[in-house]
C-alpha atoms as a PDB file:
ATOM      1  CA  MET A   1       0.000   0.000   0.000  1.00  0.00           C
ATOM      2  CA  ASP A   2       2.914   2.346   0.695  1.00  0.00           C
ATOM      3  CA  GLU A   3       4.230   1.907  -2.846  1.00  0.00           C
ATOM      4  CA  LEU A   4       0.797   2.831  -4.184  1.00  0.00           C
ATOM      5  CA  GLY A   5       0.814   6.021  -2.090  1.00  0.00           C
ATOM      6  CA  ILE A   6       4.225   6.986  -3.429  1.00  0.00           C
ATOM      7  CA  PHE A   7       3.012   6.333  -6.975  1.00  0.00           C
ATOM      8  CA  PHE A   8      -0.001   8.609  -6.530  1.00  0.00           C
ATOM      9  CA  SER A   9       2.077  11.357  -4.904  1.00  0.00           C
ATOM     10  CA  ARG A  10       4.418  11.239  -7.907  1.00  0.00           C
ATOM     11  CA  LEU A  11       1.421  11.486 -10.244  1.00  0.00           C
ATOM     12  CA  ASP A  12       0.284  14.489  -8.201  1.00  0.00           C
ATOM     13  CA  VAL A  13       3.635  16.211  -8.712  1.00  0.00           C
ATOM     14  CA  LEU A  14       3.658  15.377 -12.425  1.00  0.00           C
ATOM     15  CA  PHE A  15       0.207  16.972 -12.710  1.00  0.00           C
ATOM     16  CA  ILE A  16       0.737  20.021 -10.464  1.00  0.00           C
ATOM     17  CA  VAL A  17       4.160  21.131 -11.738  1.00  0.00           C
ATOM     18  CA  PRO A  18       3.147  21.520 -15.419  1.00  0.00           C
ATOM     19  CA  LEU A  19      -0.053  23.218 -14.263  1.00  0.00           C
ATOM     20  CA  LEU A  20       1.945  25.779 -12.252  1.00  0.00           C
ATOM     21  CA  LEU A  21       4.264  26.326 -15.219  1.00  0.00           C
ATOM     22  CA  ILE A  22       1.297  26.936 -17.527  1.00  0.00           C
ATOM     23  CA  LEU A  23      -0.251  29.391 -15.054  1.00  0.00           C
ATOM     24  CA  PHE A  24       3.095  31.200 -14.717  1.00  0.00           C
ATOM     25  CA  VAL A  25       3.490  31.512 -18.504  1.00  0.00           C
ATOM     26  CA  TYR A  26      -0.124  32.661 -18.859  1.00  0.00           C
ATOM     27  CA  GLU A  27       0.385  35.408 -16.258  1.00  0.00           C
ATOM     28  CA  LEU A  28       3.620  36.454 -17.954  1.00  0.00           C
ATOM     29  CA  VAL A  29       1.939  36.668 -21.380  1.00  0.00           C
ATOM     30  CA  SER A  30      -1.008  38.656 -20.014  1.00  0.00           C
ATOM     31  CA  LEU A  31       1.424  41.070 -18.323  1.00  0.00           C
ATOM     32  CA  LEU A  32       3.342  41.575 -21.575  1.00  0.00           C
ATOM     33  CA  LYS A  33       0.092  42.107 -23.493  1.00  0.00           C
ATOM     34  CA  SER A  34      -1.157  44.717 -21.004  1.00  0.00           C
ATOM     35  CA  ARG A  35       2.183  46.548 -21.211  1.00  0.00           C
ATOM     36  CA  LYS A  36       1.956  46.654 -25.011  1.00  0.00           C
ATOM     37  CA  VAL A  37      -1.595  48.011 -24.778  1.00  0.00           C
ATOM     38  CA  ASN A  38      -0.520  50.761 -22.338  1.00  0.00           C
ATOM     39  CA  LYS A  39       2.146  51.936 -24.794  1.00  0.00           C
END
């Protein structure tokens, strides 16, 4: 059962990390777009 828990925690990390990266990139792009609009 412990091995199963480790497996799921790894799946969690594999799912959360790309999600955070996507959110970070999205925020960055929206910031750049708003700066271009202000100019």
